[in-house]
């Protein structure tokens, strides 16, 4: 079974306090669900129309595990801390090769 990666890029962070409240709950919730943070931060370098945006990559044993982490009560509580407009982000779940 292929591993899965939860990939998030942040186009804008409009409310850093809301993002901090989210992160306090999201990180432990994701880790408890088997997620392993691989990347968390700003790009060191960008190429080919890359954007200087915060990037988070989390590895899971499977796509089902990643989706279960997203749907978990702990992560949903974390999401509730992101007030409308607090962040603009793109989130994808991608299976590994």
C-alpha atoms as a PDB file:
ATOM      1  CA  UNK A   1       0.000   0.000   0.000  1.00  0.00           C
ATOM      2  CA  UNK A   2       1.351   3.427  -0.960  1.00  0.00           C
ATOM      3  CA  UNK A   3       2.026   6.024   1.690  1.00  0.00           C
ATOM      4  CA  UNK A   4       0.043   9.247   1.487  1.00  0.00           C
ATOM      5  CA  UNK A   5       1.084  12.849   1.905  1.00  0.00           C
ATOM      6  CA  UNK A   6      -1.051  15.694   3.203  1.00  0.00           C
ATOM      7  CA  UNK A   7       0.315  18.799   1.483  1.00  0.00           C
ATOM      8  CA  UNK A   8      -0.768  22.304   2.426  1.00  0.00           C
ATOM      9  CA  UNK A   9       0.426  25.638   1.056  1.00  0.00           C
ATOM     10  CA  UNK A  10      -0.596  28.930   2.604  1.00  0.00           C
ATOM     11  CA  UNK A  11      -1.335  31.702   0.097  1.00  0.00           C
ATOM     12  CA  UNK A  12      -1.938  34.167   2.939  1.00  0.00           C
ATOM     13  CA  UNK A  13      -2.018  34.230   6.719  1.00  0.00           C
ATOM     14  CA  UNK A  14      -4.387  37.008   7.736  1.00  0.00           C
ATOM     15  CA  UNK A  15      -4.816  36.128  11.415  1.00  0.00           C
ATOM     16  CA  UNK A  16      -1.607  34.747  12.955  1.00  0.00           C
ATOM     17  CA  UNK A  17      -3.287  34.321  16.349  1.00  0.00           C
ATOM     18  CA  UNK A  18      -5.998  32.076  14.883  1.00  0.00           C
ATOM     19  CA  UNK A  19      -3.347  30.073  13.029  1.00  0.00           C
ATOM     20  CA  UNK A  20      -1.390  29.637  16.276  1.00  0.00           C
ATOM     21  CA  UNK A  21      -4.526  28.426  18.099  1.00  0.00           C
ATOM     22  CA  UNK A  22      -5.192  25.989  15.237  1.00  0.00           C
ATOM     23  CA  UNK A  23      -1.586  24.730  15.247  1.00  0.00           C
ATOM     24  CA  UNK A  24      -1.635  24.026  19.008  1.00  0.00           C
ATOM     25  CA  UNK A  25      -4.454  21.535  18.450  1.00  0.00           C
ATOM     26  CA  UNK A  26      -3.758  20.357  14.892  1.00  0.00           C
ATOM     27  CA  UNK A  27      -0.175  19.175  15.409  1.00  0.00           C
ATOM     28  CA  UNK A  28      -0.893  16.811  18.316  1.00  0.00           C
ATOM     29  CA  UNK A  29      -4.117  15.594  16.685  1.00  0.00           C
ATOM     30  CA  UNK A  30      -2.361  14.769  13.419  1.00  0.00           C
ATOM     31  CA  UNK A  31       0.565  13.095  15.191  1.00  0.00           C
ATOM     32  CA  UNK A  32      -1.827  11.020  17.329  1.00  0.00           C
ATOM     33  CA  UNK A  33      -3.468   9.810  14.104  1.00  0.00           C
ATOM     34  CA  UNK A  34      -0.126   8.553  12.780  1.00  0.00           C
ATOM     35  CA  UNK A  35       0.945  11.602  10.806  1.00  0.00           C
ATOM     36  CA  UNK A  36       4.647  12.399  10.579  1.00  0.00           C
ATOM     37  CA  UNK A  37       5.565  16.012   9.784  1.00  0.00           C
ATOM     38  CA  UNK A  38       8.113  15.970   6.948  1.00  0.00           C
ATOM     39  CA  UNK A  39       8.115  19.676   6.002  1.00  0.00           C
ATOM     40  CA  UNK A  40       6.870  22.689   7.951  1.00  0.00           C
ATOM     41  CA  UNK A  41       7.997  26.185   7.009  1.00  0.00           C
ATOM     42  CA  UNK A  42       8.933  28.574   4.251  1.00  0.00           C
ATOM     43  CA  UNK A  43      10.701  27.436   1.065  1.00  0.00           C
ATOM     44  CA  UNK A  44      14.465  27.781   1.087  1.00  0.00           C
ATOM     45  CA  UNK A  45      14.349  28.355  -2.671  1.00  0.00           C
ATOM     46  CA  UNK A  46      11.645  28.522  -5.344  1.00  0.00           C
ATOM     47  CA  UNK A  47      11.789  27.773  -9.077  1.00  0.00           C
ATOM     48  CA  UNK A  48       9.421  27.768 -12.058  1.00  0.00           C
ATOM     49  CA  UNK A  49       6.720  30.106 -10.719  1.00  0.00           C
ATOM     50  CA  UNK A  50       7.115  28.804  -7.157  1.00  0.00           C
ATOM     51  CA  UNK A  51       5.732  31.038  -4.447  1.00  0.00           C
ATOM     52  CA  UNK A  52       7.320  32.003  -1.144  1.00  0.00           C
ATOM     53  CA  UNK A  53       4.470  30.467   0.851  1.00  0.00           C
ATOM     54  CA  UNK A  54       4.425  28.404   4.003  1.00  0.00           C
ATOM     55  CA  UNK A  55       4.389  24.690   3.150  1.00  0.00           C
ATOM     56  CA  UNK A  56       3.415  21.737   5.334  1.00  0.00           C
ATOM     57  CA  UNK A  57       3.886  18.099   4.263  1.00  0.00           C
ATOM     58  CA  UNK A  58       2.705  15.267   6.510  1.00  0.00           C
ATOM     59  CA  UNK A  59       3.318  11.580   5.774  1.00  0.00           C
ATOM     60  CA  UNK A  60       0.763   8.868   6.563  1.00  0.00           C
ATOM     61  CA  UNK A  61       0.849   5.105   6.082  1.00  0.00           C
ATOM     62  CA  UNK A  62      -2.112   5.306   3.684  1.00  0.00           C
ATOM     63  CA  UNK A  63      -4.634   7.642   2.101  1.00  0.00           C
ATOM     64  CA  UNK A  64      -7.293   6.209   4.406  1.00  0.00           C
ATOM     65  CA  UNK A  65      -5.182   7.115   7.457  1.00  0.00           C
ATOM     66  CA  UNK A  66      -4.680  10.679   6.191  1.00  0.00           C
ATOM     67  CA  UNK A  67      -8.383  11.123   5.543  1.00  0.00           C
ATOM     68  CA  UNK A  68      -9.247   9.670   8.952  1.00  0.00           C
ATOM     69  CA  UNK A  69      -6.871  12.161  10.599  1.00  0.00           C
ATOM     70  CA  UNK A  70      -8.566  15.026   8.762  1.00  0.00           C
ATOM     71  CA  UNK A  71     -12.018  13.831   9.821  1.00  0.00           C
ATOM     72  CA  UNK A  72     -11.013  13.146  13.442  1.00  0.00           C
ATOM     73  CA  UNK A  73     -12.676  15.043  16.268  1.00  0.00           C
ATOM     74  CA  UNK A  74      -9.337  16.515  17.349  1.00  0.00           C
ATOM     75  CA  UNK A  75      -8.522  17.918  13.927  1.00  0.00           C
ATOM     76  CA  UNK A  76     -12.054  19.224  13.449  1.00  0.00           C
ATOM     77  CA  UNK A  77     -11.693  21.059  16.771  1.00  0.00           C
ATOM     78  CA  UNK A  78      -8.431  22.556  15.486  1.00  0.00           C
ATOM     79  CA  UNK A  79     -10.167  23.683  12.298  1.00  0.00           C
ATOM     80  CA  UNK A  80     -12.757  25.513  14.375  1.00  0.00           C
ATOM     81  CA  UNK A  81      -9.972  27.862  15.544  1.00  0.00           C
ATOM     82  CA  UNK A  82      -9.425  29.098  11.981  1.00  0.00           C
ATOM     83  CA  UNK A  83     -11.961  31.892  11.870  1.00  0.00           C
ATOM     84  CA  UNK A  84     -13.328  32.797   8.424  1.00  0.00           C
ATOM     85  CA  UNK A  85     -10.586  34.462   6.394  1.00  0.00           C
ATOM     86  CA  UNK A  86      -7.850  33.674   8.939  1.00  0.00           C
ATOM     87  CA  UNK A  87      -5.844  31.853   6.284  1.00  0.00           C
ATOM     88  CA  UNK A  88      -6.091  31.138   2.590  1.00  0.00           C
ATOM     89  CA  UNK A  89      -4.573  27.755   1.831  1.00  0.00           C
ATOM     90  CA  UNK A  90      -4.514  24.902  -0.624  1.00  0.00           C
ATOM     91  CA  UNK A  91      -4.682  21.387   0.830  1.00  0.00           C
ATOM     92  CA  UNK A  92      -4.121  18.141  -1.086  1.00  0.00           C
ATOM     93  CA  UNK A  93      -3.765  14.483  -0.236  1.00  0.00           C
ATOM     94  CA  UNK A  94      -1.369  12.701  -2.594  1.00  0.00           C
ATOM     95  CA  UNK A  95      -0.429   9.023  -2.723  1.00  0.00           C
ATOM     96  CA  UNK A  96       3.256   8.185  -2.902  1.00  0.00           C
ATOM     97  CA  UNK A  97       4.913   6.141  -5.599  1.00  0.00           C
END
